[in-house]
């Protein structure tokens, strides 16, 4: 299994809707964590463009992207762009786990 860095860019003017649907979004991602697919995820800081980084374990880029398709944020159109990049951890504490 590979590790994929997935980036979300949130849709313009979606902050209120994200607040409303955040519990379902987190519940969905927590389920992926329990399955071993979501390694770590969270939003970018307040000084960054609205979005998030998700680190997923999957067999292929397509499988990693497919894991995001049922995310309530995506289902409700709150994510305007999704990027997927294979990531190869080499150094540091996280690399020891892969």
PDB file of N, CA and C in Angstrom:
ATOM      1  N   UNK A   1       0.838  -1.185   0.000  1.00  0.00           N
ATOM      2  CA  UNK A   1       0.000   0.000   0.000  1.00  0.00           C
ATOM      3  C   UNK A   1       0.879   1.243   0.000  1.00  0.00           C
ATOM      4  N   UNK A   2       0.427   2.230  -0.712  1.00  0.00           N
ATOM      5  CA  UNK A   2       1.137   3.504  -0.801  1.00  0.00           C
ATOM      6  C   UNK A   2       0.434   4.545   0.071  1.00  0.00           C
ATOM      7  N   UNK A   3       1.111   5.652   0.271  1.00  0.00           N
ATOM      8  CA  UNK A   3       0.536   6.787   0.994  1.00  0.00           C
ATOM      9  C   UNK A   3       0.282   7.894  -0.017  1.00  0.00           C
ATOM     10  N   UNK A   4      -0.900   8.513   0.086  1.00  0.00           N
ATOM     11  CA  UNK A   4      -1.276   9.589  -0.815  1.00  0.00           C
ATOM     12  C   UNK A   4      -1.643  10.825  -0.008  1.00  0.00           C
ATOM     13  N   UNK A   5      -1.082  11.956  -0.429  1.00  0.00           N
ATOM     14  CA  UNK A   5      -1.438  13.252   0.141  1.00  0.00           C
ATOM     15  C   UNK A   5      -2.573  13.803  -0.714  1.00  0.00           C
ATOM     16  N   UNK A   6      -3.703  13.971  -0.085  1.00  0.00           N
ATOM     17  CA  UNK A   6      -4.877  14.494  -0.776  1.00  0.00           C
ATOM     18  C   UNK A   6      -5.124  15.896  -0.255  1.00  0.00           C
ATOM     19  N   UNK A   7      -5.300  16.833  -1.170  1.00  0.00           N
ATOM     20  CA  UNK A   7      -5.607  18.197  -0.759  1.00  0.00           C
ATOM     21  C   UNK A   7      -7.012  18.556  -1.204  1.00  0.00           C
ATOM     22  N   UNK A   8      -7.719  19.215  -0.315  1.00  0.00           N
ATOM     23  CA  UNK A   8      -9.028  19.784  -0.607  1.00  0.00           C
ATOM     24  C   UNK A   8      -8.869  21.291  -0.711  1.00  0.00           C
ATOM     25  N   UNK A   9      -9.496  21.881  -1.695  1.00  0.00           N
ATOM     26  CA  UNK A   9      -9.705  23.318  -1.747  1.00  0.00           C
ATOM     27  C   UNK A   9     -11.193  23.509  -1.523  1.00  0.00           C
ATOM     28  N   UNK A  10     -11.535  24.248  -0.494  1.00  0.00           N
ATOM     29  CA  UNK A  10     -12.949  24.426  -0.181  1.00  0.00           C
ATOM     30  C   UNK A  10     -13.603  25.416  -1.133  1.00  0.00           C
ATOM     31  N   UNK A  11     -14.863  25.164  -1.435  1.00  0.00           N
ATOM     32  CA  UNK A  11     -15.639  26.027  -2.315  1.00  0.00           C
ATOM     33  C   UNK A  11     -15.792  27.407  -1.677  1.00  0.00           C
ATOM     34  N   UNK A  12     -15.834  28.411  -2.527  1.00  0.00           N
ATOM     35  CA  UNK A  12     -16.028  29.789  -2.054  1.00  0.00           C
ATOM     36  C   UNK A  12     -17.343  29.891  -1.280  1.00  0.00           C
ATOM     37  N   UNK A  13     -17.325  30.693  -0.247  1.00  0.00           N
ATOM     38  CA  UNK A  13     -18.521  30.962   0.560  1.00  0.00           C
ATOM     39  C   UNK A  13     -19.144  29.696   1.146  1.00  0.00           C
ATOM     40  N   UNK A  14     -18.310  28.702   1.484  1.00  0.00           N
ATOM     41  CA  UNK A  14     -18.847  27.458   2.028  1.00  0.00           C
ATOM     42  C   UNK A  14     -18.614  27.305   3.530  1.00  0.00           C
ATOM     43  N   UNK A  15     -18.097  28.337   4.192  1.00  0.00           N
ATOM     44  CA  UNK A  15     -17.737  28.214   5.610  1.00  0.00           C
ATOM     45  C   UNK A  15     -18.932  27.811   6.472  1.00  0.00           C
ATOM     46  N   UNK A  16     -20.083  28.439   6.294  1.00  0.00           N
ATOM     47  CA  UNK A  16     -21.252  28.115   7.123  1.00  0.00           C
ATOM     48  C   UNK A  16     -21.712  26.677   6.866  1.00  0.00           C
ATOM     49  N   UNK A  17     -21.722  26.259   5.626  1.00  0.00           N
ATOM     50  CA  UNK A  17     -22.133  24.893   5.300  1.00  0.00           C
ATOM     51  C   UNK A  17     -21.117  23.884   5.841  1.00  0.00           C
ATOM     52  N   UNK A  18     -19.832  24.217   5.811  1.00  0.00           N
ATOM     53  CA  UNK A  18     -18.821  23.320   6.376  1.00  0.00           C
ATOM     54  C   UNK A  18     -19.023  23.175   7.878  1.00  0.00           C
ATOM     55  N   UNK A  19     -19.334  24.282   8.547  1.00  0.00           N
ATOM     56  CA  UNK A  19     -19.613  24.216   9.988  1.00  0.00           C
ATOM     57  C   UNK A  19     -20.799  23.287  10.252  1.00  0.00           C
ATOM     58  N   UNK A  20     -21.825  23.399   9.430  1.00  0.00           N
ATOM     59  CA  UNK A  20     -23.034  22.582   9.601  1.00  0.00           C
ATOM     60  C   UNK A  20     -22.746  21.096   9.395  1.00  0.00           C
ATOM     61  N   UNK A  21     -21.940  20.777   8.394  1.00  0.00           N
ATOM     62  CA  UNK A  21     -21.721  19.377   8.025  1.00  0.00           C
ATOM     63  C   UNK A  21     -20.417  18.782   8.579  1.00  0.00           C
ATOM     64  N   UNK A  22     -19.675  19.576   9.370  1.00  0.00           N
ATOM     65  CA  UNK A  22     -18.396  19.096   9.916  1.00  0.00           C
ATOM     66  C   UNK A  22     -18.554  17.833  10.764  1.00  0.00           C
ATOM     67  N   UNK A  23     -19.577  17.717  11.623  1.00  0.00           N
ATOM     68  CA  UNK A  23     -19.682  16.467  12.393  1.00  0.00           C
ATOM     69  C   UNK A  23     -19.797  15.222  11.501  1.00  0.00           C
ATOM     70  N   UNK A  24     -20.578  15.283  10.438  1.00  0.00           N
ATOM     71  CA  UNK A  24     -20.713  14.135   9.529  1.00  0.00           C
ATOM     72  C   UNK A  24     -19.412  13.897   8.774  1.00  0.00           C
ATOM     73  N   UNK A  25     -18.743  14.972   8.379  1.00  0.00           N
ATOM     74  CA  UNK A  25     -17.446  14.883   7.691  1.00  0.00           C
ATOM     75  C   UNK A  25     -16.429  14.178   8.588  1.00  0.00           C
ATOM     76  N   UNK A  26     -16.352  14.587   9.839  1.00  0.00           N
ATOM     77  CA  UNK A  26     -15.390  13.987  10.767  1.00  0.00           C
ATOM     78  C   UNK A  26     -15.766  12.544  11.089  1.00  0.00           C
ATOM     79  N   UNK A  27     -17.025  12.263  11.198  1.00  0.00           N
ATOM     80  CA  UNK A  27     -17.472  10.882  11.434  1.00  0.00           C
ATOM     81  C   UNK A  27     -17.046   9.984  10.268  1.00  0.00           C
ATOM     82  N   UNK A  28     -17.218  10.488   9.045  1.00  0.00           N
ATOM     83  CA  UNK A  28     -16.819   9.721   7.869  1.00  0.00           C
ATOM     84  C   UNK A  28     -15.312   9.463   7.881  1.00  0.00           C
ATOM     85  N   UNK A  29     -14.519  10.515   8.113  1.00  0.00           N
ATOM     86  CA  UNK A  29     -13.064  10.357   8.129  1.00  0.00           C
ATOM     87  C   UNK A  29     -12.613   9.472   9.286  1.00  0.00           C
ATOM     88  N   UNK A  30     -13.295   9.550  10.425  1.00  0.00           N
ATOM     89  CA  UNK A  30     -12.963   8.680  11.549  1.00  0.00           C
ATOM     90  C   UNK A  30     -13.195   7.216  11.173  1.00  0.00           C
ATOM     91  N   UNK A  31     -14.252   6.946  10.419  1.00  0.00           N
ATOM     92  CA  UNK A  31     -14.493   5.588   9.939  1.00  0.00           C
ATOM     93  C   UNK A  31     -13.357   5.104   9.055  1.00  0.00           C
ATOM     94  N   UNK A  32     -12.844   5.990   8.209  1.00  0.00           N
ATOM     95  CA  UNK A  32     -11.699   5.628   7.369  1.00  0.00           C
ATOM     96  C   UNK A  32     -10.448   5.403   8.221  1.00  0.00           C
ATOM     97  N   UNK A  33     -10.332   6.144   9.328  1.00  0.00           N
ATOM     98  CA  UNK A  33      -9.210   5.939  10.249  1.00  0.00           C
ATOM     99  C   UNK A  33      -9.295   4.554  10.881  1.00  0.00           C
ATOM    100  N   UNK A  34     -10.485   4.174  11.290  1.00  0.00           N
ATOM    101  CA  UNK A  34     -10.681   2.865  11.909  1.00  0.00           C
ATOM    102  C   UNK A  34     -10.372   1.729  10.932  1.00  0.00           C
ATOM    103  N   UNK A  35     -10.559   1.977   9.636  1.00  0.00           N
ATOM    104  CA  UNK A  35     -10.246   0.982   8.606  1.00  0.00           C
ATOM    105  C   UNK A  35      -8.765   0.994   8.229  1.00  0.00           C
ATOM    106  N   UNK A  36      -8.014   1.974   8.742  1.00  0.00           N
ATOM    107  CA  UNK A  36      -6.594   2.082   8.434  1.00  0.00           C
ATOM    108  C   UNK A  36      -6.288   2.878   7.181  1.00  0.00           C
ATOM    109  N   UNK A  37      -7.293   3.500   6.582  1.00  0.00           N
ATOM    110  CA  UNK A  37      -7.083   4.257   5.347  1.00  0.00           C
ATOM    111  C   UNK A  37      -6.691   5.710   5.611  1.00  0.00           C
ATOM    112  N   UNK A  38      -7.339   6.365   6.568  1.00  0.00           N
ATOM    113  CA  UNK A  38      -7.033   7.756   6.892  1.00  0.00           C
ATOM    114  C   UNK A  38      -5.955   7.760   7.962  1.00  0.00           C
ATOM    115  N   UNK A  39      -4.751   8.133   7.575  1.00  0.00           N
ATOM    116  CA  UNK A  39      -3.630   8.154   8.508  1.00  0.00           C
ATOM    117  C   UNK A  39      -3.633   9.412   9.359  1.00  0.00           C
ATOM    118  N   UNK A  40      -4.016  10.523   8.759  1.00  0.00           N
ATOM    119  CA  UNK A  40      -4.041  11.808   9.443  1.00  0.00           C
ATOM    120  C   UNK A  40      -4.741  12.799   8.523  1.00  0.00           C
ATOM    121  N   UNK A  41      -5.530  13.685   9.094  1.00  0.00           N
ATOM    122  CA  UNK A  41      -6.190  14.686   8.260  1.00  0.00           C
ATOM    123  C   UNK A  41      -6.538  15.906   9.101  1.00  0.00           C
ATOM    124  N   UNK A  42      -6.675  17.031   8.426  1.00  0.00           N
ATOM    125  CA  UNK A  42      -7.057  18.251   9.120  1.00  0.00           C
ATOM    126  C   UNK A  42      -6.999  19.450   8.194  1.00  0.00           C
ATOM    127  N   UNK A  43      -7.626  20.541   8.631  1.00  0.00           N
ATOM    128  CA  UNK A  43      -7.669  21.745   7.807  1.00  0.00           C
ATOM    129  C   UNK A  43      -6.344  22.497   7.819  1.00  0.00           C
ATOM    130  N   UNK A  44      -6.158  23.313   6.789  1.00  0.00           N
ATOM    131  CA  UNK A  44      -5.016  24.223   6.772  1.00  0.00           C
ATOM    132  C   UNK A  44      -5.249  25.312   7.810  1.00  0.00           C
ATOM    133  N   UNK A  45      -4.183  25.975   8.219  1.00  0.00           N
ATOM    134  CA  UNK A  45      -4.266  27.024   9.227  1.00  0.00           C
ATOM    135  C   UNK A  45      -5.050  28.236   8.761  1.00  0.00           C
ATOM    136  N   UNK A  46      -5.396  29.102   9.693  1.00  0.00           N
ATOM    137  CA  UNK A  46      -6.251  30.249   9.391  1.00  0.00           C
ATOM    138  C   UNK A  46      -5.650  31.258   8.421  1.00  0.00           C
ATOM    139  N   UNK A  47      -4.335  31.269   8.274  1.00  0.00           N
ATOM    140  CA  UNK A  47      -3.693  32.209   7.353  1.00  0.00           C
ATOM    141  C   UNK A  47      -3.559  31.649   5.941  1.00  0.00           C
ATOM    142  N   UNK A  48      -3.971  30.394   5.747  1.00  0.00           N
ATOM    143  CA  UNK A  48      -3.870  29.729   4.447  1.00  0.00           C
ATOM    144  C   UNK A  48      -5.207  29.808   3.710  1.00  0.00           C
ATOM    145  N   UNK A  49      -5.171  29.530   2.418  1.00  0.00           N
ATOM    146  CA  UNK A  49      -6.418  29.422   1.654  1.00  0.00           C
ATOM    147  C   UNK A  49      -7.236  28.282   2.254  1.00  0.00           C
ATOM    148  N   UNK A  50      -8.557  28.424   2.326  1.00  0.00           N
ATOM    149  CA  UNK A  50      -9.392  27.399   2.942  1.00  0.00           C
ATOM    150  C   UNK A  50      -9.262  26.047   2.230  1.00  0.00           C
ATOM    151  N   UNK A  51      -8.911  25.040   3.007  1.00  0.00           N
ATOM    152  CA  UNK A  51      -8.757  23.702   2.462  1.00  0.00           C
ATOM    153  C   UNK A  51      -8.249  22.764   3.536  1.00  0.00           C
ATOM    154  N   UNK A  52      -7.818  21.570   3.116  1.00  0.00           N
ATOM    155  CA  UNK A  52      -7.371  20.564   4.071  1.00  0.00           C
ATOM    156  C   UNK A  52      -6.366  19.624   3.421  1.00  0.00           C
ATOM    157  N   UNK A  53      -5.637  18.922   4.270  1.00  0.00           N
ATOM    158  CA  UNK A  53      -4.702  17.887   3.850  1.00  0.00           C
ATOM    159  C   UNK A  53      -5.148  16.584   4.497  1.00  0.00           C
ATOM    160  N   UNK A  54      -5.210  15.526   3.690  1.00  0.00           N
ATOM    161  CA  UNK A  54      -5.569  14.200   4.180  1.00  0.00           C
ATOM    162  C   UNK A  54      -4.476  13.242   3.719  1.00  0.00           C
ATOM    163  N   UNK A  55      -3.954  12.446   4.619  1.00  0.00           N
ATOM    164  CA  UNK A  55      -2.970  11.429   4.260  1.00  0.00           C
ATOM    165  C   UNK A  55      -3.675  10.079   4.301  1.00  0.00           C
ATOM    166  N   UNK A  56      -3.789   9.459   3.144  1.00  0.00           N
ATOM    167  CA  UNK A  56      -4.503   8.190   3.022  1.00  0.00           C
ATOM    168  C   UNK A  56      -3.547   7.088   2.609  1.00  0.00           C
ATOM    169  N   UNK A  57      -3.825   5.892   3.082  1.00  0.00           N
ATOM    170  CA  UNK A  57      -3.135   4.691   2.635  1.00  0.00           C
ATOM    171  C   UNK A  57      -4.092   3.996   1.663  1.00  0.00           C
ATOM    172  N   UNK A  58      -3.595   3.703   0.466  1.00  0.00           N
ATOM    173  CA  UNK A  58      -4.417   3.051  -0.559  1.00  0.00           C
ATOM    174  C   UNK A  58      -3.510   2.323  -1.542  1.00  0.00           C
ATOM    175  N   UNK A  59      -4.109   1.429  -2.322  1.00  0.00           N
ATOM    176  CA  UNK A  59      -3.342   0.673  -3.299  1.00  0.00           C
ATOM    177  C   UNK A  59      -2.947   1.493  -4.511  1.00  0.00           C
ATOM    178  N   UNK A  60      -3.833   2.404  -4.918  1.00  0.00           N
ATOM    179  CA  UNK A  60      -3.581   3.229  -6.099  1.00  0.00           C
ATOM    180  C   UNK A  60      -4.106   4.638  -5.868  1.00  0.00           C
ATOM    181  N   UNK A  61      -3.687   5.536  -6.744  1.00  0.00           N
ATOM    182  CA  UNK A  61      -4.177   6.918  -6.712  1.00  0.00           C
ATOM    183  C   UNK A  61      -5.706   6.934  -6.856  1.00  0.00           C
ATOM    184  N   UNK A  62      -6.222   6.102  -7.746  1.00  0.00           N
ATOM    185  CA  UNK A  62      -7.668   6.048  -7.989  1.00  0.00           C
ATOM    186  C   UNK A  62      -8.421   5.580  -6.749  1.00  0.00           C
ATOM    187  N   UNK A  63      -7.845   4.595  -6.037  1.00  0.00           N
ATOM    188  CA  UNK A  63      -8.475   4.116  -4.803  1.00  0.00           C
ATOM    189  C   UNK A  63      -8.473   5.208  -3.743  1.00  0.00           C
ATOM    190  N   UNK A  64      -7.377   5.949  -3.643  1.00  0.00           N
ATOM    191  CA  UNK A  64      -7.299   7.042  -2.671  1.00  0.00           C
ATOM    192  C   UNK A  64      -8.358   8.093  -2.976  1.00  0.00           C
ATOM    193  N   UNK A  65      -8.477   8.473  -4.242  1.00  0.00           N
ATOM    194  CA  UNK A  65      -9.482   9.456  -4.636  1.00  0.00           C
ATOM    195  C   UNK A  65     -10.887   8.938  -4.369  1.00  0.00           C
ATOM    196  N   UNK A  66     -11.115   7.667  -4.637  1.00  0.00           N
ATOM    197  CA  UNK A  66     -12.439   7.077  -4.419  1.00  0.00           C
ATOM    198  C   UNK A  66     -12.845   7.142  -2.949  1.00  0.00           C
ATOM    199  N   UNK A  67     -11.874   7.078  -2.045  1.00  0.00           N
ATOM    200  CA  UNK A  67     -12.194   7.172  -0.616  1.00  0.00           C
ATOM    201  C   UNK A  67     -12.796   8.520  -0.250  1.00  0.00           C
ATOM    202  N   UNK A  68     -12.538   9.547  -1.049  1.00  0.00           N
ATOM    203  CA  UNK A  68     -13.075  10.882  -0.743  1.00  0.00           C
ATOM    204  C   UNK A  68     -14.478  11.089  -1.294  1.00  0.00           C
ATOM    205  N   UNK A  69     -14.917  10.231  -2.197  1.00  0.00           N
ATOM    206  CA  UNK A  69     -16.169  10.480  -2.914  1.00  0.00           C
ATOM    207  C   UNK A  69     -17.410  10.466  -2.022  1.00  0.00           C
ATOM    208  N   UNK A  70     -17.373   9.751  -0.896  1.00  0.00           N
ATOM    209  CA  UNK A  70     -18.525   9.703   0.005  1.00  0.00           C
ATOM    210  C   UNK A  70     -18.364  10.641   1.196  1.00  0.00           C
ATOM    211  N   UNK A  71     -17.320  11.439   1.187  1.00  0.00           N
ATOM    212  CA  UNK A  71     -17.122  12.433   2.239  1.00  0.00           C
ATOM    213  C   UNK A  71     -18.276  13.430   2.162  1.00  0.00           C
ATOM    214  N   UNK A  72     -18.974  13.673   3.260  1.00  0.00           N
ATOM    215  CA  UNK A  72     -20.085  14.626   3.230  1.00  0.00           C
ATOM    216  C   UNK A  72     -19.716  15.999   2.667  1.00  0.00           C
ATOM    217  N   UNK A  73     -18.485  16.451   2.882  1.00  0.00           N
ATOM    218  CA  UNK A  73     -18.079  17.728   2.296  1.00  0.00           C
ATOM    219  C   UNK A  73     -18.115  17.652   0.774  1.00  0.00           C
ATOM    220  N   UNK A  74     -17.664  16.549   0.208  1.00  0.00           N
ATOM    221  CA  UNK A  74     -17.690  16.401  -1.253  1.00  0.00           C
ATOM    222  C   UNK A  74     -19.113  16.193  -1.751  1.00  0.00           C
ATOM    223  N   UNK A  75     -19.882  15.384  -1.051  1.00  0.00           N
ATOM    224  CA  UNK A  75     -21.256  15.109  -1.482  1.00  0.00           C
ATOM    225  C   UNK A  75     -22.101  16.382  -1.534  1.00  0.00           C
ATOM    226  N   UNK A  76     -21.780  17.340  -0.679  1.00  0.00           N
ATOM    227  CA  UNK A  76     -22.563  18.583  -0.606  1.00  0.00           C
ATOM    228  C   UNK A  76     -21.930  19.721  -1.405  1.00  0.00           C
ATOM    229  N   UNK A  77     -20.899  19.421  -2.184  1.00  0.00           N
ATOM    230  CA  UNK A  77     -20.287  20.433  -3.048  1.00  0.00           C
ATOM    231  C   UNK A  77     -19.458  21.459  -2.308  1.00  0.00           C
ATOM    232  N   UNK A  78     -18.957  21.114  -1.127  1.00  0.00           N
ATOM    233  CA  UNK A  78     -18.180  22.062  -0.327  1.00  0.00           C
ATOM    234  C   UNK A  78     -16.695  22.043  -0.669  1.00  0.00           C
ATOM    235  N   UNK A  79     -16.294  21.107  -1.519  1.00  0.00           N
ATOM    236  CA  UNK A  79     -14.912  20.998  -1.975  1.00  0.00           C
ATOM    237  C   UNK A  79     -14.900  21.295  -3.470  1.00  0.00           C
ATOM    238  N   UNK A  80     -14.178  22.338  -3.859  1.00  0.00           N
ATOM    239  CA  UNK A  80     -14.164  22.724  -5.272  1.00  0.00           C
ATOM    240  C   UNK A  80     -13.062  22.023  -6.058  1.00  0.00           C
ATOM    241  N   UNK A  81     -12.011  21.575  -5.361  1.00  0.00           N
ATOM    242  CA  UNK A  81     -10.894  20.935  -6.046  1.00  0.00           C
ATOM    243  C   UNK A  81     -10.256  19.896  -5.125  1.00  0.00           C
ATOM    244  N   UNK A  82      -9.892  18.750  -5.716  1.00  0.00           N
ATOM    245  CA  UNK A  82      -9.215  17.690  -4.978  1.00  0.00           C
ATOM    246  C   UNK A  82      -7.919  17.361  -5.715  1.00  0.00           C
ATOM    247  N   UNK A  83      -6.816  17.401  -4.995  1.00  0.00           N
ATOM    248  CA  UNK A  83      -5.530  17.008  -5.556  1.00  0.00           C
ATOM    249  C   UNK A  83      -5.081  15.706  -4.915  1.00  0.00           C
ATOM    250  N   UNK A  84      -4.418  14.865  -5.673  1.00  0.00           N
ATOM    251  CA  UNK A  84      -3.920  13.587  -5.146  1.00  0.00           C
ATOM    252  C   UNK A  84      -2.467  13.409  -5.592  1.00  0.00           C
ATOM    253  N   UNK A  85      -1.590  13.199  -4.624  1.00  0.00           N
ATOM    254  CA  UNK A  85      -0.168  13.007  -4.912  1.00  0.00           C
ATOM    255  C   UNK A  85       0.343  11.841  -4.083  1.00  0.00           C
ATOM    256  N   UNK A  86       1.018  10.895  -4.735  1.00  0.00           N
ATOM    257  CA  UNK A  86       1.654   9.845  -3.951  1.00  0.00           C
ATOM    258  C   UNK A  86       2.766  10.482  -3.134  1.00  0.00           C
ATOM    259  N   UNK A  87       2.887  10.054  -1.888  1.00  0.00           N
ATOM    260  CA  UNK A  87       3.870  10.628  -0.976  1.00  0.00           C
ATOM    261  C   UNK A  87       4.703   9.491  -0.413  1.00  0.00           C
ATOM    262  N   UNK A  88       6.020   9.656  -0.423  1.00  0.00           N
ATOM    263  CA  UNK A  88       6.936   8.622   0.043  1.00  0.00           C
ATOM    264  C   UNK A  88       7.647   9.133   1.298  1.00  0.00           C
ATOM    265  N   UNK A  89       7.171   8.771   2.479  1.00  0.00           N
ATOM    266  CA  UNK A  89       7.831   9.193   3.714  1.00  0.00           C
ATOM    267  C   UNK A  89       9.208   8.544   3.827  1.00  0.00           C
ATOM    268  N   UNK A  90      10.250   9.351   4.020  1.00  0.00           N
ATOM    269  CA  UNK A  90      11.610   8.837   4.073  1.00  0.00           C
ATOM    270  C   UNK A  90      12.256   9.109   5.428  1.00  0.00           C
ATOM    271  N   UNK A  91      12.137  10.336   5.914  1.00  0.00           N
ATOM    272  CA  UNK A  91      12.793  10.735   7.159  1.00  0.00           C
ATOM    273  C   UNK A  91      11.787  11.253   8.169  1.00  0.00           C
ATOM    274  N   UNK A  92      12.151  11.159   9.429  1.00  0.00           N
ATOM    275  CA  UNK A  92      11.337  11.710  10.484  1.00  0.00           C
ATOM    276  C   UNK A  92      10.458  10.662  11.168  1.00  0.00           C
ATOM    277  N   UNK A  93       9.803  11.060  12.237  1.00  0.00           N
ATOM    278  CA  UNK A  93       9.019  10.127  13.032  1.00  0.00           C
ATOM    279  C   UNK A  93       7.899   9.442  12.255  1.00  0.00           C
ATOM    280  N   UNK A  94       7.258  10.150  11.348  1.00  0.00           N
ATOM    281  CA  UNK A  94       6.183   9.518  10.566  1.00  0.00           C
ATOM    282  C   UNK A  94       6.713   8.414   9.658  1.00  0.00           C
ATOM    283  N   UNK A  95       7.890   8.620   9.103  1.00  0.00           N
ATOM    284  CA  UNK A  95       8.455   7.652   8.161  1.00  0.00           C
ATOM    285  C   UNK A  95       8.660   6.297   8.812  1.00  0.00           C
ATOM    286  N   UNK A  96       8.882   6.279  10.107  1.00  0.00           N
ATOM    287  CA  UNK A  96       9.102   5.021  10.823  1.00  0.00           C
ATOM    288  C   UNK A  96       7.872   4.130  10.826  1.00  0.00           C
ATOM    289  N   UNK A  97       6.703   4.697  10.552  1.00  0.00           N
ATOM    290  CA  UNK A  97       5.450   3.939  10.596  1.00  0.00           C
ATOM    291  C   UNK A  97       5.055   3.366   9.239  1.00  0.00           C
ATOM    292  N   UNK A  98       5.817   3.655   8.194  1.00  0.00           N
ATOM    293  CA  UNK A  98       5.408   3.212   6.859  1.00  0.00           C
ATOM    294  C   UNK A  98       6.327   2.167   6.313  1.00  0.00           C
TER     295      UNK A  98
END
